[in-house]
Amino acid sequence: MFVADIVEGYGVIVQGSNAPTDVEWDEVLAFYQTMLAADRLRVLVYTEGAAPNASQRGKLQDQLGKKKMIFAVITPSAWARAVGTAVSWFVPNVAMFHPNELEKALDHLGVAAQTRAGIRERFDQLRGALQGLPGVAAR
């Protein structure tokens, strides 16, 4: 399961700990496609441990092609960090961060100071939605 939004031109996506099904991954890719179509190429990702399998990573590579999308992935999971390293082989602007490094992740994305509060707020809301808190429906 995941929740996602676009905040001031930046994608924000939050995933749980279970690996995405192919249907869920296709929904994630559709979110990325929406961003690509709008020429929004910077995404903040938080995952408790969910990570795409090899086939799903291939779909991501096919979708991105030569687009230079920049990802900052925040995770406590060593497994998700390892998968992030594999993704960085074909998406060179992927950087992995620990949960206490949100500001470093925003630096990686080049988020301006005046934009950070809105992204942090939505990031927290989406994390709450994923945990079943009221306010935002999960996809």
N, C-alpha and C. Protein backbone atom coordinates (compact mmCIF):
# COMPACT_ATOMS: atom_id res chain seq x y z
N MET A 1 0.84 -1.17 0.00
CA MET A 1 0.00 0.00 0.00
C MET A 1 0.89 1.24 0.00
N PHE A 2 0.41 2.30 -0.63
CA PHE A 2 1.14 3.55 -0.63
C PHE A 2 0.16 4.71 -0.64
N VAL A 3 0.66 5.86 -0.24
CA VAL A 3 -0.07 7.12 -0.36
C VAL A 3 0.89 8.10 -1.03
N ALA A 4 0.33 9.00 -1.82
CA ALA A 4 1.19 9.91 -2.57
C ALA A 4 0.48 11.22 -2.84
N ASP A 5 1.28 12.24 -3.07
CA ASP A 5 0.74 13.55 -3.41
C ASP A 5 1.86 14.35 -4.08
N ILE A 6 1.47 15.44 -4.72
CA ILE A 6 2.43 16.39 -5.27
C ILE A 6 2.28 17.67 -4.47
N VAL A 7 3.39 18.13 -3.91
CA VAL A 7 3.40 19.31 -3.06
C VAL A 7 4.38 20.32 -3.66
N GLU A 8 3.84 21.43 -4.12
CA GLU A 8 4.66 22.51 -4.68
C GLU A 8 5.66 21.99 -5.71
N GLY A 9 5.20 21.06 -6.53
CA GLY A 9 6.02 20.53 -7.60
C GLY A 9 6.87 19.32 -7.25
N TYR A 10 6.86 18.92 -6.00
CA TYR A 10 7.65 17.76 -5.55
C TYR A 10 6.71 16.60 -5.27
N GLY A 11 7.10 15.41 -5.73
CA GLY A 11 6.33 14.22 -5.40
C GLY A 11 6.68 13.78 -3.99
N VAL A 12 5.67 13.33 -3.26
CA VAL A 12 5.87 12.77 -1.93
C VAL A 12 5.11 11.45 -1.93
N ILE A 13 5.83 10.37 -1.65
CA ILE A 13 5.21 9.05 -1.64
C ILE A 13 5.65 8.31 -0.39
N VAL A 14 4.69 7.65 0.26
CA VAL A 14 4.95 6.91 1.49
C VAL A 14 4.45 5.49 1.30
N GLN A 15 5.33 4.52 1.60
CA GLN A 15 5.01 3.11 1.46
C GLN A 15 5.18 2.40 2.80
N GLY A 16 4.47 1.30 2.95
CA GLY A 16 4.56 0.51 4.17
C GLY A 16 5.74 -0.44 4.15
N SER A 17 5.57 -1.56 4.83
CA SER A 17 6.68 -2.51 4.94
C SER A 17 6.53 -3.70 4.00
N ASN A 18 5.34 -3.92 3.47
CA ASN A 18 5.13 -5.06 2.58
C ASN A 18 5.53 -4.72 1.16
N ALA A 19 6.15 -5.67 0.49
CA ALA A 19 6.55 -5.48 -0.91
C ALA A 19 5.31 -5.16 -1.74
N PRO A 20 5.43 -4.23 -2.69
CA PRO A 20 4.27 -3.88 -3.50
C PRO A 20 3.88 -5.03 -4.44
N THR A 21 2.59 -5.22 -4.59
CA THR A 21 2.10 -6.16 -5.61
C THR A 21 2.34 -5.51 -6.97
N ASP A 22 2.20 -6.27 -8.03
CA ASP A 22 2.36 -5.70 -9.36
C ASP A 22 1.32 -4.61 -9.62
N VAL A 23 0.11 -4.81 -9.13
CA VAL A 23 -0.95 -3.80 -9.30
C VAL A 23 -0.56 -2.53 -8.56
N GLU A 24 -0.11 -2.66 -7.31
CA GLU A 24 0.31 -1.48 -6.55
C GLU A 24 1.49 -0.78 -7.23
N TRP A 25 2.45 -1.56 -7.73
CA TRP A 25 3.60 -0.96 -8.39
C TRP A 25 3.18 -0.21 -9.66
N ASP A 26 2.21 -0.77 -10.38
CA ASP A 26 1.70 -0.06 -11.55
C ASP A 26 1.07 1.27 -11.16
N GLU A 27 0.43 1.33 -9.98
CA GLU A 27 -0.14 2.58 -9.49
C GLU A 27 0.97 3.57 -9.12
N VAL A 28 2.05 3.08 -8.52
CA VAL A 28 3.20 3.94 -8.23
C VAL A 28 3.76 4.49 -9.54
N LEU A 29 3.91 3.63 -10.54
CA LEU A 29 4.43 4.07 -11.83
C LEU A 29 3.50 5.10 -12.48
N ALA A 30 2.20 4.92 -12.31
CA ALA A 30 1.25 5.90 -12.85
C ALA A 30 1.44 7.25 -12.16
N PHE A 31 1.71 7.24 -10.86
CA PHE A 31 2.00 8.48 -10.13
C PHE A 31 3.25 9.13 -10.71
N TYR A 32 4.30 8.34 -10.92
CA TYR A 32 5.53 8.88 -11.50
C TYR A 32 5.28 9.41 -12.90
N GLN A 33 4.44 8.73 -13.67
CA GLN A 33 4.14 9.18 -15.03
C GLN A 33 3.44 10.53 -15.00
N THR A 34 2.55 10.73 -14.04
CA THR A 34 1.89 12.02 -13.88
C THR A 34 2.92 13.11 -13.63
N MET A 35 3.89 12.78 -12.80
CA MET A 35 4.95 13.76 -12.50
C MET A 35 5.80 14.03 -13.74
N LEU A 36 6.15 12.99 -14.47
CA LEU A 36 6.95 13.16 -15.68
C LEU A 36 6.22 14.02 -16.71
N ALA A 37 4.92 13.79 -16.86
CA ALA A 37 4.12 14.54 -17.83
C ALA A 37 4.10 16.02 -17.47
N ALA A 38 4.16 16.34 -16.19
CA ALA A 38 4.15 17.73 -15.74
C ALA A 38 5.57 18.28 -15.58
N ASP A 39 6.57 17.49 -15.99
CA ASP A 39 7.97 17.87 -15.88
C ASP A 39 8.36 18.16 -14.43
N ARG A 40 7.82 17.36 -13.53
CA ARG A 40 8.19 17.44 -12.11
C ARG A 40 9.05 16.21 -11.83
N LEU A 41 10.31 16.42 -11.61
CA LEU A 41 11.24 15.31 -11.62
C LEU A 41 11.93 15.06 -10.28
N ARG A 42 11.33 15.50 -9.20
CA ARG A 42 11.94 15.32 -7.88
C ARG A 42 10.93 14.67 -6.94
N VAL A 43 11.36 13.57 -6.30
CA VAL A 43 10.43 12.78 -5.50
C VAL A 43 11.06 12.41 -4.16
N LEU A 44 10.31 12.67 -3.09
CA LEU A 44 10.68 12.23 -1.75
C LEU A 44 9.90 10.96 -1.47
N VAL A 45 10.62 9.89 -1.14
CA VAL A 45 10.00 8.59 -0.87
C VAL A 45 10.32 8.19 0.55
N TYR A 46 9.30 7.72 1.28
CA TYR A 46 9.51 7.10 2.58
C TYR A 46 8.98 5.69 2.49
N THR A 47 9.77 4.73 2.94
CA THR A 47 9.29 3.35 2.98
C THR A 47 9.72 2.70 4.27
N GLU A 48 8.78 1.98 4.87
CA GLU A 48 9.10 1.20 6.07
C GLU A 48 9.93 -0.02 5.70
N GLY A 49 9.96 -0.36 4.43
CA GLY A 49 10.72 -1.53 3.97
C GLY A 49 10.25 -2.04 2.63
N ALA A 50 9.09 -1.54 2.16
CA ALA A 50 8.61 -1.94 0.84
C ALA A 50 9.61 -1.52 -0.21
N ALA A 51 9.87 -2.42 -1.14
CA ALA A 51 10.80 -2.13 -2.23
C ALA A 51 10.40 -2.95 -3.44
N PRO A 52 10.61 -2.39 -4.62
CA PRO A 52 10.23 -3.12 -5.83
C PRO A 52 11.12 -4.32 -6.08
N ASN A 53 10.53 -5.38 -6.65
CA ASN A 53 11.33 -6.55 -7.02
C ASN A 53 12.04 -6.26 -8.35
N ALA A 54 12.82 -7.21 -8.83
CA ALA A 54 13.62 -6.99 -10.04
C ALA A 54 12.74 -6.65 -11.25
N SER A 55 11.64 -7.35 -11.42
CA SER A 55 10.73 -7.08 -12.54
C SER A 55 10.16 -5.67 -12.43
N GLN A 56 9.76 -5.27 -11.24
CA GLN A 56 9.20 -3.94 -11.03
C GLN A 56 10.26 -2.86 -11.26
N ARG A 57 11.49 -3.13 -10.84
CA ARG A 57 12.57 -2.17 -11.10
C ARG A 57 12.79 -2.01 -12.60
N GLY A 58 12.65 -3.11 -13.34
CA GLY A 58 12.76 -3.04 -14.79
C GLY A 58 11.69 -2.16 -15.40
N LYS A 59 10.47 -2.25 -14.89
CA LYS A 59 9.39 -1.39 -15.36
C LYS A 59 9.70 0.08 -15.08
N LEU A 60 10.28 0.34 -13.92
CA LEU A 60 10.67 1.71 -13.58
C LEU A 60 11.72 2.22 -14.56
N GLN A 61 12.70 1.40 -14.83
CA GLN A 61 13.75 1.78 -15.77
C GLN A 61 13.17 2.07 -17.15
N ASP A 62 12.26 1.21 -17.60
CA ASP A 62 11.62 1.41 -18.90
C ASP A 62 10.84 2.72 -18.93
N GLN A 63 10.14 3.02 -17.85
CA GLN A 63 9.31 4.22 -17.80
C GLN A 63 10.16 5.48 -17.79
N LEU A 64 11.22 5.46 -17.00
CA LEU A 64 12.03 6.67 -16.88
C LEU A 64 12.85 6.93 -18.12
N GLY A 65 13.31 5.87 -18.77
CA GLY A 65 14.13 6.06 -19.96
C GLY A 65 15.30 6.97 -19.66
N LYS A 66 15.41 8.04 -20.41
CA LYS A 66 16.51 9.00 -20.24
C LYS A 66 16.15 10.16 -19.31
N LYS A 67 14.94 10.16 -18.77
CA LYS A 67 14.54 11.24 -17.85
C LYS A 67 15.41 11.18 -16.60
N LYS A 68 15.80 12.31 -16.12
CA LYS A 68 16.69 12.40 -14.96
C LYS A 68 15.89 12.73 -13.70
N MET A 69 15.03 11.83 -13.31
CA MET A 69 14.25 12.01 -12.10
C MET A 69 15.17 11.87 -10.89
N ILE A 70 14.98 12.72 -9.89
CA ILE A 70 15.79 12.69 -8.68
C ILE A 70 14.93 12.15 -7.54
N PHE A 71 15.45 11.14 -6.84
CA PHE A 71 14.75 10.52 -5.73
C PHE A 71 15.57 10.64 -4.45
N ALA A 72 14.90 10.99 -3.37
CA ALA A 72 15.48 10.91 -2.03
C ALA A 72 14.63 9.89 -1.29
N VAL A 73 15.23 8.77 -0.91
CA VAL A 73 14.50 7.68 -0.27
C VAL A 73 14.89 7.62 1.20
N ILE A 74 13.89 7.74 2.06
CA ILE A 74 14.10 7.66 3.50
C ILE A 74 13.56 6.32 3.97
N THR A 75 14.39 5.56 4.68
CA THR A 75 13.95 4.25 5.16
C THR A 75 14.78 3.77 6.34
N PRO A 76 14.15 3.08 7.27
CA PRO A 76 14.91 2.43 8.33
C PRO A 76 15.39 1.03 7.92
N SER A 77 14.97 0.58 6.73
CA SER A 77 15.17 -0.79 6.30
C SER A 77 16.48 -0.98 5.52
N ALA A 78 17.32 -1.88 6.00
CA ALA A 78 18.56 -2.21 5.28
C ALA A 78 18.23 -2.83 3.92
N TRP A 79 17.17 -3.63 3.86
CA TRP A 79 16.77 -4.25 2.59
C TRP A 79 16.38 -3.18 1.58
N ALA A 80 15.56 -2.23 1.98
CA ALA A 80 15.14 -1.18 1.05
C ALA A 80 16.33 -0.33 0.61
N ARG A 81 17.30 -0.11 1.50
CA ARG A 81 18.50 0.63 1.11
C ARG A 81 19.29 -0.16 0.06
N ALA A 82 19.36 -1.47 0.21
CA ALA A 82 20.06 -2.31 -0.77
C ALA A 82 19.36 -2.24 -2.13
N VAL A 83 18.04 -2.29 -2.12
CA VAL A 83 17.29 -2.18 -3.37
C VAL A 83 17.51 -0.79 -3.97
N GLY A 84 17.54 0.24 -3.13
CA GLY A 84 17.81 1.59 -3.60
C GLY A 84 19.16 1.69 -4.30
N THR A 85 20.14 0.97 -3.79
CA THR A 85 21.45 0.94 -4.43
C THR A 85 21.33 0.32 -5.82
N ALA A 86 20.56 -0.76 -5.95
CA ALA A 86 20.36 -1.39 -7.25
C ALA A 86 19.65 -0.42 -8.21
N VAL A 87 18.67 0.30 -7.72
CA VAL A 87 17.96 1.27 -8.55
C VAL A 87 18.92 2.37 -9.01
N SER A 88 19.85 2.75 -8.15
CA SER A 88 20.78 3.84 -8.50
C SER A 88 21.70 3.48 -9.66
N TRP A 89 21.78 2.21 -10.02
CA TRP A 89 22.59 1.81 -11.16
C TRP A 89 22.01 2.36 -12.47
N PHE A 90 20.66 2.50 -12.52
CA PHE A 90 20.05 3.03 -13.74
C PHE A 90 19.35 4.36 -13.50
N VAL A 91 19.17 4.75 -12.25
CA VAL A 91 18.65 6.08 -11.90
C VAL A 91 19.71 6.70 -10.99
N PRO A 92 20.70 7.34 -11.58
CA PRO A 92 21.86 7.77 -10.79
C PRO A 92 21.58 8.82 -9.72
N ASN A 93 20.44 9.48 -9.78
CA ASN A 93 20.14 10.51 -8.79
C ASN A 93 19.25 10.01 -7.67
N VAL A 94 19.47 8.75 -7.27
CA VAL A 94 18.78 8.19 -6.11
C VAL A 94 19.75 8.24 -4.94
N ALA A 95 19.28 8.79 -3.83
CA ALA A 95 20.10 8.80 -2.61
C ALA A 95 19.26 8.25 -1.47
N MET A 96 19.91 7.49 -0.62
CA MET A 96 19.23 6.83 0.49
C MET A 96 19.54 7.59 1.79
N PHE A 97 18.52 7.70 2.65
CA PHE A 97 18.65 8.42 3.91
C PHE A 97 17.98 7.66 5.04
N HIS A 98 18.49 7.81 6.24
CA HIS A 98 17.86 7.25 7.44
C HIS A 98 16.69 8.17 7.84
N PRO A 99 15.74 7.67 8.62
CA PRO A 99 14.57 8.46 8.99
C PRO A 99 14.88 9.80 9.68
N ASN A 100 16.01 9.89 10.34
CA ASN A 100 16.33 11.16 11.02
C ASN A 100 17.05 12.14 10.10
N GLU A 101 17.09 11.86 8.80
CA GLU A 101 17.80 12.70 7.85
C GLU A 101 16.89 13.36 6.82
N LEU A 102 15.69 13.75 7.25
CA LEU A 102 14.74 14.39 6.33
C LEU A 102 15.35 15.65 5.71
N GLU A 103 16.01 16.47 6.49
CA GLU A 103 16.58 17.71 5.94
C GLU A 103 17.64 17.41 4.88
N LYS A 104 18.45 16.39 5.10
CA LYS A 104 19.44 16.00 4.10
C LYS A 104 18.75 15.51 2.82
N ALA A 105 17.65 14.79 3.00
CA ALA A 105 16.89 14.32 1.83
C ALA A 105 16.34 15.51 1.05
N LEU A 106 15.82 16.50 1.76
CA LEU A 106 15.30 17.70 1.09
C LEU A 106 16.43 18.48 0.41
N ASP A 107 17.60 18.48 1.02
CA ASP A 107 18.77 19.10 0.38
C ASP A 107 19.09 18.39 -0.94
N HIS A 108 19.06 17.06 -0.92
CA HIS A 108 19.34 16.28 -2.13
C HIS A 108 18.38 16.65 -3.26
N LEU A 109 17.14 16.92 -2.90
CA LEU A 109 16.13 17.26 -3.89
C LEU A 109 16.20 18.73 -4.30
N GLY A 110 16.99 19.51 -3.59
CA GLY A 110 17.09 20.93 -3.90
C GLY A 110 15.88 21.74 -3.49
N VAL A 111 15.21 21.33 -2.42
CA VAL A 111 14.01 22.02 -1.96
C VAL A 111 14.40 23.35 -1.29
N ALA A 112 13.80 24.43 -1.75
CA ALA A 112 14.06 25.75 -1.21
C ALA A 112 13.50 25.87 0.21
N ALA A 113 14.09 26.73 1.00
CA ALA A 113 13.71 26.91 2.40
C ALA A 113 12.22 27.21 2.55
N GLN A 114 11.66 28.06 1.70
CA GLN A 114 10.26 28.47 1.83
C GLN A 114 9.29 27.36 1.46
N THR A 115 9.76 26.30 0.85
CA THR A 115 8.91 25.20 0.41
C THR A 115 8.93 24.03 1.40
N ARG A 116 9.94 23.98 2.23
CA ARG A 116 10.16 22.82 3.10
C ARG A 116 9.03 22.57 4.09
N ALA A 117 8.48 23.60 4.69
CA ALA A 117 7.43 23.41 5.70
C ALA A 117 6.23 22.69 5.09
N GLY A 118 5.82 23.08 3.90
CA GLY A 118 4.68 22.43 3.25
C GLY A 118 4.95 20.97 2.92
N ILE A 119 6.16 20.69 2.49
CA ILE A 119 6.51 19.31 2.17
C ILE A 119 6.59 18.48 3.45
N ARG A 120 7.21 19.02 4.49
CA ARG A 120 7.29 18.29 5.78
C ARG A 120 5.89 17.98 6.31
N GLU A 121 4.99 18.97 6.25
CA GLU A 121 3.63 18.78 6.76
C GLU A 121 2.90 17.68 5.99
N ARG A 122 2.99 17.72 4.67
CA ARG A 122 2.30 16.71 3.86
C ARG A 122 2.93 15.33 4.04
N PHE A 123 4.25 15.31 4.15
CA PHE A 123 4.98 14.07 4.42
C PHE A 123 4.45 13.42 5.70
N ASP A 124 4.32 14.21 6.77
CA ASP A 124 3.80 13.69 8.04
C ASP A 124 2.35 13.23 7.91
N GLN A 125 1.54 13.98 7.16
CA GLN A 125 0.14 13.59 6.94
C GLN A 125 0.05 12.25 6.21
N LEU A 126 0.87 12.09 5.18
CA LEU A 126 0.84 10.84 4.41
C LEU A 126 1.32 9.66 5.25
N ARG A 127 2.34 9.89 6.07
CA ARG A 127 2.78 8.81 6.96
C ARG A 127 1.66 8.43 7.91
N GLY A 128 0.93 9.41 8.42
CA GLY A 128 -0.21 9.14 9.29
C GLY A 128 -1.31 8.39 8.57
N ALA A 129 -1.58 8.76 7.32
CA ALA A 129 -2.61 8.10 6.52
C ALA A 129 -2.25 6.64 6.31
N LEU A 130 -1.00 6.37 6.06
CA LEU A 130 -0.58 4.99 5.83
C LEU A 130 -0.76 4.15 7.09
N GLN A 131 -0.62 4.79 8.23
CA GLN A 131 -0.80 4.09 9.51
C GLN A 131 -2.26 4.04 9.94
N GLY A 132 -3.15 4.50 9.06
CA GLY A 132 -4.58 4.42 9.34
C GLY A 132 -5.13 5.58 10.13
N LEU A 133 -4.38 6.66 10.24
CA LEU A 133 -4.88 7.83 10.94
C LEU A 133 -5.84 8.58 10.02
N PRO A 134 -6.82 9.28 10.59
CA PRO A 134 -7.79 9.97 9.73
C PRO A 134 -7.17 11.14 9.00
N GLY A 135 -7.78 11.52 7.88
CA GLY A 135 -7.37 12.72 7.18
C GLY A 135 -7.01 12.50 5.73
N VAL A 136 -6.45 11.37 5.39
CA VAL A 136 -6.05 11.13 4.01
C VAL A 136 -6.35 9.68 3.65
N ALA A 137 -6.97 9.48 2.52
CA ALA A 137 -7.25 8.11 2.08
C ALA A 137 -6.02 7.51 1.42
N ALA A 138 -5.70 6.29 1.77
CA ALA A 138 -4.59 5.57 1.14
C ALA A 138 -5.06 5.07 -0.22
N ARG A 139 -4.12 5.00 -1.16
CA ARG A 139 -4.44 4.45 -2.49
C ARG A 139 -4.39 2.95 -2.42
